[in-house]
Amino acid sequence: MALAVLAMLLAGATQVQAQSLRDRGGAYIGKIDNDGTVRDRGGSYLGKFDSDGTIRDRGGAYRGKVDSDGTIRDRGGSYLGRVESDGTVRDRGGAYMGKVESDGSIRDRGGAYRGKAENVKRRHAAVFFFFDFF
C-alpha cells in the first residue's frame, strides 16, 4: 500500500501547493508535502520522490519511476505502461485501463469513479492503475 500511495501522489517537488488524494467516498488518504515527502492519512512518513520522477520508499530504496513523457517503469526498469497527455492510462500492451480527468477525477476502464487527485499532475495520479491501489 505504501508504494501505491507514493506512486499515486507523485508530483513535481517544486509545486507550491500541497497535493492530496481522496478515495471514492471523499475520505482523505494521504498527501505529498512541498519537499516531496509522502505521508499517509495519519501523517506517517511513507517515502519520498525525487524531482526526476523517481519513487523511493521509507528506507530510501528505489521503487520505480514516472518519466516526464508519462512512461511508467518498475524498480527493475521494466516498462509497465504509460499515461498519455490527456490522462488516458494504458498498460504495457496498449490496453485502456482508465483515465484521470482534467478535474482530477479518477475513473477505471468501465468508467466507474475511483477517487480524486487534488493538485496532482494527471500523469502522476494515474500511476495507481499500475499498482492496483483502489
Protein backbone atom coordinates (compact mmCIF):
# COMPACT_ATOMS: atom_id res chain seq x y z
CA MET A 1 0.00 0.00 0.00
CA ALA A 2 2.82 2.41 0.78
CA LEU A 3 4.21 2.07 -2.74
CA ALA A 4 0.76 2.72 -4.15
CA VAL A 5 0.36 5.91 -2.14
CA LEU A 6 3.84 7.00 -3.17
CA ALA A 7 3.06 6.38 -6.79
CA MET A 8 -0.35 7.98 -6.72
CA LEU A 9 0.79 11.14 -5.05
CA LEU A 10 3.91 11.56 -7.12
CA ALA A 11 4.10 15.11 -8.48
CA GLY A 12 6.66 17.82 -9.14
CA ALA A 13 8.52 18.68 -5.94
CA THR A 14 8.70 22.31 -6.91
CA GLN A 15 4.94 22.89 -6.76
CA VAL A 16 3.90 25.30 -4.03
CA GLN A 17 0.57 23.70 -3.12
CA ALA A 18 0.46 20.51 -1.10
CA GLN A 19 -1.10 17.68 -3.07
CA SER A 20 -3.64 15.24 -1.71
CA LEU A 21 -5.59 12.17 -2.71
CA ARG A 22 -9.11 11.19 -1.74
CA ASP A 23 -10.78 7.82 -2.10
CA ARG A 24 -14.09 7.23 -3.89
CA GLY A 25 -16.03 8.25 -0.76
CA GLY A 26 -14.13 11.54 -0.49
CA ALA A 27 -12.05 10.50 2.53
CA TYR A 28 -8.54 11.95 2.66
CA ILE A 29 -5.96 9.14 2.30
CA GLY A 30 -2.64 10.94 2.02
CA LYS A 31 -0.58 13.85 0.76
CA ILE A 32 2.74 14.90 -0.59
CA ASP A 33 4.49 17.83 1.05
CA ASN A 34 6.17 20.62 -0.87
CA ASP A 35 9.60 18.99 -0.38
CA GLY A 36 8.46 15.67 -1.92
CA THR A 37 7.83 13.82 1.34
CA VAL A 38 4.87 11.45 1.07
CA ARG A 39 2.66 10.90 4.12
CA ASP A 40 -0.37 8.71 4.76
CA ARG A 41 -3.65 9.99 6.23
CA GLY A 42 -2.20 9.86 9.75
CA GLY A 43 0.89 11.84 8.81
CA SER A 44 3.27 8.85 8.91
CA TYR A 45 6.24 9.05 6.57
CA LEU A 46 5.91 6.68 3.59
CA GLY A 47 8.79 7.81 1.44
CA LYS A 48 9.87 10.49 -0.95
CA PHE A 49 10.08 11.23 -4.63
CA ASP A 50 12.86 12.93 -6.48
CA SER A 51 12.26 15.79 -8.89
CA ASP A 52 13.08 13.47 -11.82
CA GLY A 53 10.06 11.24 -11.02
CA THR A 54 11.94 8.59 -9.04
CA ILE A 55 9.89 6.97 -6.28
CA ARG A 56 11.73 5.98 -3.07
CA ASP A 57 10.28 4.04 -0.15
CA ARG A 58 10.60 4.94 3.54
CA GLY A 59 14.04 3.32 3.66
CA GLY A 60 15.26 5.30 0.65
CA ALA A 61 15.26 2.32 -1.73
CA TYR A 62 14.46 2.94 -5.39
CA ARG A 63 10.95 1.62 -6.18
CA GLY A 64 10.15 2.91 -9.66
CA LYS A 65 9.87 5.95 -11.87
CA VAL A 66 7.45 8.01 -13.90
CA ASP A 67 9.33 9.62 -16.77
CA SER A 68 8.46 13.11 -18.00
CA ASP A 69 6.86 11.59 -21.12
CA GLY A 70 4.43 9.52 -19.00
CA THR A 71 6.30 6.22 -19.22
CA ILE A 72 5.93 4.17 -16.04
CA ARG A 73 8.70 1.75 -15.02
CA ASP A 74 9.09 -0.54 -12.03
CA ARG A 75 12.24 -0.70 -9.90
CA GLY A 76 13.86 -3.15 -12.32
CA GLY A 77 13.33 -0.72 -15.20
CA SER A 78 10.63 -2.85 -16.82
CA TYR A 79 8.04 -0.96 -18.81
CA LEU A 80 4.64 -1.06 -17.08
CA GLY A 81 2.73 1.26 -19.38
CA ARG A 82 2.16 4.91 -19.98
CA VAL A 83 -0.04 7.84 -19.19
CA GLU A 84 -1.00 9.88 -22.22
CA SER A 85 -1.15 13.68 -22.12
CA ASP A 86 -4.97 13.63 -21.89
CA GLY A 87 -4.86 11.43 -18.76
CA THR A 88 -5.61 8.13 -20.52
CA VAL A 89 -3.78 5.22 -18.89
CA ARG A 90 -2.62 2.25 -20.97
CA ASP A 91 -0.89 -0.94 -19.85
CA ARG A 92 2.28 -2.34 -21.43
CA GLY A 93 0.24 -3.92 -24.24
CA GLY A 94 -1.57 -0.67 -25.01
CA ALA A 95 -4.91 -1.71 -23.50
CA TYR A 96 -7.05 1.05 -21.99
CA MET A 97 -7.00 0.91 -18.16
CA GLY A 98 -8.83 4.12 -17.29
CA LYS A 99 -8.40 7.86 -17.14
CA VAL A 100 -7.60 10.76 -14.86
CA GLU A 101 -9.88 13.59 -15.93
CA SER A 102 -8.85 17.26 -16.03
CA ASP A 103 -10.60 17.92 -12.69
CA GLY A 104 -8.58 15.12 -11.03
CA SER A 105 -11.41 12.55 -11.02
CA ILE A 106 -10.03 9.04 -11.45
CA ARG A 107 -12.11 6.54 -13.45
CA ASP A 108 -11.41 2.88 -14.14
CA ARG A 109 -11.74 1.14 -17.52
CA GLY A 110 -15.50 0.78 -17.03
CA GLY A 111 -15.92 4.48 -16.24
CA ALA A 112 -16.57 3.98 -12.52
CA TYR A 113 -15.40 6.80 -10.23
CA ARG A 114 -12.47 5.58 -8.08
CA GLY A 115 -11.27 8.71 -6.32
CA LYS A 116 -9.81 12.16 -6.86
CA ALA A 117 -6.31 13.59 -7.04
CA GLU A 118 -6.19 17.20 -5.86
CA ASN A 119 -3.40 19.46 -7.09
CA VAL A 120 -1.61 16.45 -8.60
CA LYS A 121 -0.48 16.19 -12.21
CA ARG A 122 -2.71 13.80 -14.15
CA ARG A 123 0.11 11.62 -15.42
CA HIS A 124 1.37 11.09 -11.88
CA ALA A 125 -2.03 10.46 -10.34
CA ALA A 126 -2.71 7.82 -12.97
CA VAL A 127 0.12 5.61 -11.75
CA PHE A 128 -2.29 3.97 -9.30
CA PHE A 129 -3.69 1.91 -12.17
CA PHE A 130 -0.42 0.03 -12.25
CA PHE A 131 -0.23 -0.57 -8.51
CA ASP A 132 -3.87 -1.67 -8.02
CA PHE A 133 -4.42 0.90 -5.30
CA PHE A 134 -8.19 1.14 -5.28
